[in-house]
């Protein structure tokens, strides 16, 4: 099993980026301050279960500055795996309530960290009248980082790098158009804990 793709949306200096990796050794090259350390931290947040659980509770400074006003937006860190072994131990990591390992075999899977407004905030945004930018601004002014939650999900099919998909799930801030449904199935199945896959996944990054 190895990482084939890392997607970052609104995370630190990455407003919207998708990185594709090959099996084996991958070299990440960039000047100082280009975001290499942020990239590795994003991977650790999803895969390193030695990090304290509190590390996944992000802060205002974790939102991309290019975003402008972060309030109401989501941070998305998504990793795609490929070549998942067909043994029971490896398959069980990605079942997520799908049944027994004997019933279905996964060769590819996606795992997400979503830092998003809590349900009551998302519900209030959905109740705003479409196009009422003044009401949106007033409501956003009252949002703090304590109104956010971290959600881990598996079996996601949403491509958050696609602006249209992001707007359909998170909301269109320009048009003031937010989804009524709070649990879009494309986001995937909510997971209770960080996946314990440090001994299963094969990845080697060299920072240069």
C-alpha atoms as a PDB file:
ATOM      1  CA  UNK A   1       0.000   0.000   0.000  1.00  0.00           C
ATOM      2  CA  UNK A   2       1.286   3.447  -0.861  1.00  0.00           C
ATOM      3  CA  UNK A   3       0.107   7.040  -1.086  1.00  0.00           C
ATOM      4  CA  UNK A   4      -0.858   8.095  -4.596  1.00  0.00           C
ATOM      5  CA  UNK A   5      -2.364  11.527  -3.965  1.00  0.00           C
ATOM      6  CA  UNK A   6      -2.429  14.275  -1.364  1.00  0.00           C
ATOM      7  CA  UNK A   7      -4.995  17.058  -1.630  1.00  0.00           C
ATOM      8  CA  UNK A   8      -4.869  20.223   0.468  1.00  0.00           C
ATOM      9  CA  UNK A   9      -7.585  22.859   0.480  1.00  0.00           C
ATOM     10  CA  UNK A  10      -7.277  26.060   2.542  1.00  0.00           C
ATOM     11  CA  UNK A  11      -4.442  24.589   4.632  1.00  0.00           C
ATOM     12  CA  UNK A  12      -1.679  27.018   5.586  1.00  0.00           C
ATOM     13  CA  UNK A  13       0.019  28.226   2.387  1.00  0.00           C
ATOM     14  CA  UNK A  14      -1.940  25.802   0.184  1.00  0.00           C
ATOM     15  CA  UNK A  15      -5.259  27.238  -0.977  1.00  0.00           C
ATOM     16  CA  UNK A  16      -5.917  24.444  -3.435  1.00  0.00           C
ATOM     17  CA  UNK A  17      -3.265  21.916  -4.389  1.00  0.00           C
ATOM     18  CA  UNK A  18      -3.163  18.291  -5.475  1.00  0.00           C
ATOM     19  CA  UNK A  19       0.088  16.336  -5.368  1.00  0.00           C
ATOM     20  CA  UNK A  20       0.453  12.982  -7.133  1.00  0.00           C
ATOM     21  CA  UNK A  21       3.064  10.511  -5.894  1.00  0.00           C
ATOM     22  CA  UNK A  22       4.695   7.453  -7.368  1.00  0.00           C
ATOM     23  CA  UNK A  23       5.302   4.208  -5.559  1.00  0.00           C
ATOM     24  CA  UNK A  24       8.651   4.282  -3.804  1.00  0.00           C
ATOM     25  CA  UNK A  25      10.753   7.364  -3.137  1.00  0.00           C
ATOM     26  CA  UNK A  26       9.332  10.795  -3.894  1.00  0.00           C
ATOM     27  CA  UNK A  27      11.326  14.015  -3.666  1.00  0.00           C
ATOM     28  CA  UNK A  28       9.640  17.265  -2.662  1.00  0.00           C
ATOM     29  CA  UNK A  29      11.692  20.230  -3.836  1.00  0.00           C
ATOM     30  CA  UNK A  30      11.031  23.857  -2.971  1.00  0.00           C
ATOM     31  CA  UNK A  31      12.596  27.043  -1.700  1.00  0.00           C
ATOM     32  CA  UNK A  32      12.522  27.975   1.965  1.00  0.00           C
ATOM     33  CA  UNK A  33       9.021  29.016   2.940  1.00  0.00           C
ATOM     34  CA  UNK A  34       7.403  27.250  -0.017  1.00  0.00           C
ATOM     35  CA  UNK A  35       5.423  24.914   2.242  1.00  0.00           C
ATOM     36  CA  UNK A  36       7.413  21.689   2.404  1.00  0.00           C
ATOM     37  CA  UNK A  37       7.145  21.495   6.202  1.00  0.00           C
ATOM     38  CA  UNK A  38       3.414  22.239   6.035  1.00  0.00           C
ATOM     39  CA  UNK A  39       2.981  19.439   3.516  1.00  0.00           C
ATOM     40  CA  UNK A  40       4.681  16.903   5.775  1.00  0.00           C
ATOM     41  CA  UNK A  41       2.698  18.086   8.779  1.00  0.00           C
ATOM     42  CA  UNK A  42      -0.527  17.572   6.828  1.00  0.00           C
ATOM     43  CA  UNK A  43       0.470  13.963   6.141  1.00  0.00           C
ATOM     44  CA  UNK A  44       1.361  13.438   9.794  1.00  0.00           C
ATOM     45  CA  UNK A  45      -2.002  14.775  10.953  1.00  0.00           C
ATOM     46  CA  UNK A  46      -3.669  11.918   9.095  1.00  0.00           C
ATOM     47  CA  UNK A  47      -1.168   9.098   9.461  1.00  0.00           C
ATOM     48  CA  UNK A  48       0.969   9.643  12.549  1.00  0.00           C
ATOM     49  CA  UNK A  49      -0.972   8.288  15.511  1.00  0.00           C
ATOM     50  CA  UNK A  50       1.947   9.173  17.778  1.00  0.00           C
ATOM     51  CA  UNK A  51       0.893  12.821  17.518  1.00  0.00           C
ATOM     52  CA  UNK A  52      -1.422  14.001  20.317  1.00  0.00           C
ATOM     53  CA  UNK A  53      -5.096  13.817  19.382  1.00  0.00           C
ATOM     54  CA  UNK A  54      -5.342  17.542  20.159  1.00  0.00           C
ATOM     55  CA  UNK A  55      -3.062  18.257  17.181  1.00  0.00           C
ATOM     56  CA  UNK A  56      -6.008  17.738  14.822  1.00  0.00           C
ATOM     57  CA  UNK A  57      -7.812  20.662  16.473  1.00  0.00           C
ATOM     58  CA  UNK A  58      -6.550  23.314  14.089  1.00  0.00           C
ATOM     59  CA  UNK A  59      -6.283  27.053  14.654  1.00  0.00           C
ATOM     60  CA  UNK A  60      -6.932  30.291  12.788  1.00  0.00           C
ATOM     61  CA  UNK A  61      -3.322  30.304  11.619  1.00  0.00           C
ATOM     62  CA  UNK A  62      -3.868  26.982   9.845  1.00  0.00           C
ATOM     63  CA  UNK A  63      -6.207  28.628   7.333  1.00  0.00           C
ATOM     64  CA  UNK A  64      -4.611  29.787   4.104  1.00  0.00           C
ATOM     65  CA  UNK A  65      -4.065  33.555   4.138  1.00  0.00           C
ATOM     66  CA  UNK A  66      -4.999  33.765   0.456  1.00  0.00           C
ATOM     67  CA  UNK A  67      -8.487  32.703   1.478  1.00  0.00           C
ATOM     68  CA  UNK A  68      -9.119  36.057   3.160  1.00  0.00           C
ATOM     69  CA  UNK A  69     -11.817  35.689   5.799  1.00  0.00           C
ATOM     70  CA  UNK A  70     -11.545  32.059   6.950  1.00  0.00           C
ATOM     71  CA  UNK A  71     -14.782  31.995   8.901  1.00  0.00           C
ATOM     72  CA  UNK A  72     -17.279  29.512   7.497  1.00  0.00           C
ATOM     73  CA  UNK A  73     -14.748  27.834   5.219  1.00  0.00           C
ATOM     74  CA  UNK A  74     -13.331  24.322   5.607  1.00  0.00           C
ATOM     75  CA  UNK A  75      -9.799  22.991   5.717  1.00  0.00           C
ATOM     76  CA  UNK A  76      -9.508  19.707   3.842  1.00  0.00           C
ATOM     77  CA  UNK A  77      -6.562  17.308   3.968  1.00  0.00           C
ATOM     78  CA  UNK A  78      -7.154  14.216   1.860  1.00  0.00           C
ATOM     79  CA  UNK A  79      -4.918  11.230   1.152  1.00  0.00           C
ATOM     80  CA  UNK A  80      -5.552   8.528  -1.435  1.00  0.00           C
ATOM     81  CA  UNK A  81      -4.016   5.065  -1.087  1.00  0.00           C
ATOM     82  CA  UNK A  82      -3.459   2.497  -3.792  1.00  0.00           C
ATOM     83  CA  UNK A  83      -2.298  -1.131  -4.003  1.00  0.00           C
ATOM     84  CA  UNK A  84      -3.962  -2.048  -0.731  1.00  0.00           C
ATOM     85  CA  UNK A  85      -3.037  -5.610   0.137  1.00  0.00           C
ATOM     86  CA  UNK A  86      -5.855  -8.157   0.078  1.00  0.00           C
ATOM     87  CA  UNK A  87      -4.982  -9.651   3.471  1.00  0.00           C
ATOM     88  CA  UNK A  88      -7.553  -9.265   6.234  1.00  0.00           C
ATOM     89  CA  UNK A  89      -5.463  -6.885   8.370  1.00  0.00           C
ATOM     90  CA  UNK A  90      -4.983  -4.393   5.533  1.00  0.00           C
ATOM     91  CA  UNK A  91      -8.541  -4.657   4.230  1.00  0.00           C
ATOM     92  CA  UNK A  92     -10.079  -4.175   7.676  1.00  0.00           C
ATOM     93  CA  UNK A  93      -8.526  -0.705   7.860  1.00  0.00           C
ATOM     94  CA  UNK A  94     -10.830   0.493   5.102  1.00  0.00           C
ATOM     95  CA  UNK A  95     -14.054  -1.441   5.690  1.00  0.00           C
ATOM     96  CA  UNK A  96     -15.676   1.398   7.670  1.00  0.00           C
ATOM     97  CA  UNK A  97     -18.872  -0.543   8.243  1.00  0.00           C
ATOM     98  CA  UNK A  98     -18.996  -2.095   4.769  1.00  0.00           C
ATOM     99  CA  UNK A  99     -19.094  -5.654   6.074  1.00  0.00           C
ATOM    100  CA  UNK A 100     -16.580  -8.458   6.361  1.00  0.00           C
ATOM    101  CA  UNK A 101     -13.188  -8.402   4.710  1.00  0.00           C
ATOM    102  CA  UNK A 102     -14.217 -11.498   2.760  1.00  0.00           C
ATOM    103  CA  UNK A 103     -17.143  -9.687   1.142  1.00  0.00           C
ATOM    104  CA  UNK A 104     -15.350  -6.789  -0.538  1.00  0.00           C
ATOM    105  CA  UNK A 105     -11.752  -6.105  -1.534  1.00  0.00           C
ATOM    106  CA  UNK A 106     -10.425  -2.536  -1.642  1.00  0.00           C
ATOM    107  CA  UNK A 107      -7.464  -1.684  -3.839  1.00  0.00           C
ATOM    108  CA  UNK A 108      -7.866   2.083  -3.498  1.00  0.00           C
ATOM    109  CA  UNK A 109      -9.200   4.223  -0.657  1.00  0.00           C
ATOM    110  CA  UNK A 110      -9.392   7.846   0.451  1.00  0.00           C
ATOM    111  CA  UNK A 111      -8.978   9.209   3.958  1.00  0.00           C
ATOM    112  CA  UNK A 112      -9.843  12.795   4.925  1.00  0.00           C
ATOM    113  CA  UNK A 113      -9.344  15.272   7.728  1.00  0.00           C
ATOM    114  CA  UNK A 114     -12.023  17.954   7.610  1.00  0.00           C
ATOM    115  CA  UNK A 115     -11.829  21.010   9.838  1.00  0.00           C
ATOM    116  CA  UNK A 116     -15.239  22.583   9.469  1.00  0.00           C
ATOM    117  CA  UNK A 117     -17.894  24.640  11.302  1.00  0.00           C
ATOM    118  CA  UNK A 118     -20.017  22.656  13.739  1.00  0.00           C
ATOM    119  CA  UNK A 119     -23.482  21.518  12.682  1.00  0.00           C
ATOM    120  CA  UNK A 120     -25.327  24.450  14.270  1.00  0.00           C
ATOM    121  CA  UNK A 121     -23.162  26.924  12.330  1.00  0.00           C
ATOM    122  CA  UNK A 122     -23.654  25.079   9.043  1.00  0.00           C
ATOM    123  CA  UNK A 123     -27.376  24.928   9.693  1.00  0.00           C
ATOM    124  CA  UNK A 124     -27.543  28.666  10.360  1.00  0.00           C
ATOM    125  CA  UNK A 125     -25.636  29.405   7.148  1.00  0.00           C
ATOM    126  CA  UNK A 126     -28.090  27.237   5.214  1.00  0.00           C
ATOM    127  CA  UNK A 127     -30.987  29.339   6.522  1.00  0.00           C
ATOM    128  CA  UNK A 128     -29.609  32.604   5.145  1.00  0.00           C
ATOM    129  CA  UNK A 129     -31.460  34.027   2.174  1.00  0.00           C
ATOM    130  CA  UNK A 130     -29.641  33.507  -1.088  1.00  0.00           C
ATOM    131  CA  UNK A 131     -27.767  36.632  -2.116  1.00  0.00           C
ATOM    132  CA  UNK A 132     -28.034  38.336   1.292  1.00  0.00           C
ATOM    133  CA  UNK A 133     -24.359  39.232   1.647  1.00  0.00           C
ATOM    134  CA  UNK A 134     -25.011  41.682   4.489  1.00  0.00           C
ATOM    135  CA  UNK A 135     -26.629  38.966   6.602  1.00  0.00           C
ATOM    136  CA  UNK A 136     -23.778  36.596   5.795  1.00  0.00           C
ATOM    137  CA  UNK A 137     -21.162  39.140   6.886  1.00  0.00           C
ATOM    138  CA  UNK A 138     -23.006  39.814  10.136  1.00  0.00           C
ATOM    139  CA  UNK A 139     -23.228  36.111  10.910  1.00  0.00           C
ATOM    140  CA  UNK A 140     -19.623  35.344  10.019  1.00  0.00           C
ATOM    141  CA  UNK A 141     -18.431  38.135  12.314  1.00  0.00           C
ATOM    142  CA  UNK A 142     -19.663  36.111  15.291  1.00  0.00           C
ATOM    143  CA  UNK A 143     -17.882  32.863  14.375  1.00  0.00           C
ATOM    144  CA  UNK A 144     -14.771  31.877  16.340  1.00  0.00           C
ATOM    145  CA  UNK A 145     -12.394  28.941  16.084  1.00  0.00           C
ATOM    146  CA  UNK A 146     -14.303  27.312  18.956  1.00  0.00           C
ATOM    147  CA  UNK A 147     -17.230  26.914  16.549  1.00  0.00           C
ATOM    148  CA  UNK A 148     -15.161  24.432  14.525  1.00  0.00           C
ATOM    149  CA  UNK A 149     -14.809  20.664  14.711  1.00  0.00           C
ATOM    150  CA  UNK A 150     -12.381  18.122  13.291  1.00  0.00           C
ATOM    151  CA  UNK A 151     -13.936  15.236  11.389  1.00  0.00           C
ATOM    152  CA  UNK A 152     -12.102  12.214  10.011  1.00  0.00           C
ATOM    153  CA  UNK A 153     -13.819  10.426   7.146  1.00  0.00           C
ATOM    154  CA  UNK A 154     -13.284   7.450   4.879  1.00  0.00           C
ATOM    155  CA  UNK A 155     -14.883   6.341   1.621  1.00  0.00           C
ATOM    156  CA  UNK A 156     -15.133   9.894   0.389  1.00  0.00           C
ATOM    157  CA  UNK A 157     -15.812  10.475  -3.310  1.00  0.00           C
ATOM    158  CA  UNK A 158     -15.763  14.283  -3.139  1.00  0.00           C
ATOM    159  CA  UNK A 159     -13.018  16.059  -5.076  1.00  0.00           C
ATOM    160  CA  UNK A 160     -12.618  19.153  -2.903  1.00  0.00           C
ATOM    161  CA  UNK A 161     -10.003  20.486  -5.317  1.00  0.00           C
ATOM    162  CA  UNK A 162     -12.847  21.096  -7.754  1.00  0.00           C
ATOM    163  CA  UNK A 163     -14.275  24.548  -6.889  1.00  0.00           C
ATOM    164  CA  UNK A 164     -17.760  23.470  -7.948  1.00  0.00           C
ATOM    165  CA  UNK A 165     -17.652  20.473  -5.600  1.00  0.00           C
ATOM    166  CA  UNK A 166     -16.311  22.627  -2.763  1.00  0.00           C
ATOM    167  CA  UNK A 167     -19.176  25.092  -3.222  1.00  0.00           C
ATOM    168  CA  UNK A 168     -21.779  22.315  -3.375  1.00  0.00           C
ATOM    169  CA  UNK A 169     -20.606  20.849  -0.049  1.00  0.00           C
ATOM    170  CA  UNK A 170     -19.266  23.853   1.870  1.00  0.00           C
ATOM    171  CA  UNK A 171     -21.277  26.649   0.282  1.00  0.00           C
ATOM    172  CA  UNK A 172     -21.007  29.476  -2.220  1.00  0.00           C
ATOM    173  CA  UNK A 173     -19.954  32.544  -0.221  1.00  0.00           C
ATOM    174  CA  UNK A 174     -20.286  34.939  -3.148  1.00  0.00           C
ATOM    175  CA  UNK A 175     -23.877  33.949  -3.908  1.00  0.00           C
ATOM    176  CA  UNK A 176     -24.703  33.219  -0.250  1.00  0.00           C
ATOM    177  CA  UNK A 177     -25.939  29.779  -1.192  1.00  0.00           C
ATOM    178  CA  UNK A 178     -25.310  27.058   1.402  1.00  0.00           C
ATOM    179  CA  UNK A 179     -26.463  23.419   1.298  1.00  0.00           C
ATOM    180  CA  UNK A 180     -29.501  22.491   3.353  1.00  0.00           C
ATOM    181  CA  UNK A 181     -28.286  18.965   3.986  1.00  0.00           C
ATOM    182  CA  UNK A 182     -25.718  18.808   6.769  1.00  0.00           C
ATOM    183  CA  UNK A 183     -24.340  15.361   5.910  1.00  0.00           C
ATOM    184  CA  UNK A 184     -23.469  15.108   2.238  1.00  0.00           C
ATOM    185  CA  UNK A 185     -22.761  11.411   1.552  1.00  0.00           C
ATOM    186  CA  UNK A 186     -19.916  12.364  -0.810  1.00  0.00           C
ATOM    187  CA  UNK A 187     -17.920  13.491   2.234  1.00  0.00           C
ATOM    188  CA  UNK A 188     -17.734   9.849   3.293  1.00  0.00           C
ATOM    189  CA  UNK A 189     -18.244   7.905   6.486  1.00  0.00           C
ATOM    190  CA  UNK A 190     -17.226   9.542   9.738  1.00  0.00           C
ATOM    191  CA  UNK A 191     -14.423   7.708  11.516  1.00  0.00           C
ATOM    192  CA  UNK A 192     -13.801   7.724  15.274  1.00  0.00           C
ATOM    193  CA  UNK A 193      -9.998   7.764  15.257  1.00  0.00           C
ATOM    194  CA  UNK A 194      -6.865   8.248  13.204  1.00  0.00           C
ATOM    195  CA  UNK A 195      -6.157   5.159  11.118  1.00  0.00           C
ATOM    196  CA  UNK A 196      -3.417   3.014  12.595  1.00  0.00           C
ATOM    197  CA  UNK A 197      -1.616   2.362   9.315  1.00  0.00           C
ATOM    198  CA  UNK A 198       1.922   3.471  10.066  1.00  0.00           C
ATOM    199  CA  UNK A 199       3.096  -0.127   9.730  1.00  0.00           C
ATOM    200  CA  UNK A 200       1.012  -0.819   6.634  1.00  0.00           C
ATOM    201  CA  UNK A 201       1.567   2.088   4.265  1.00  0.00           C
ATOM    202  CA  UNK A 202       4.763   2.493   2.281  1.00  0.00           C
ATOM    203  CA  UNK A 203       5.840   6.067   1.657  1.00  0.00           C
ATOM    204  CA  UNK A 204       9.175   7.813   1.510  1.00  0.00           C
ATOM    205  CA  UNK A 205       9.415  11.563   1.006  1.00  0.00           C
ATOM    206  CA  UNK A 206      12.693  13.396   0.644  1.00  0.00           C
ATOM    207  CA  UNK A 207      12.544  17.123   1.353  1.00  0.00           C
ATOM    208  CA  UNK A 208      15.074  19.090  -0.676  1.00  0.00           C
END
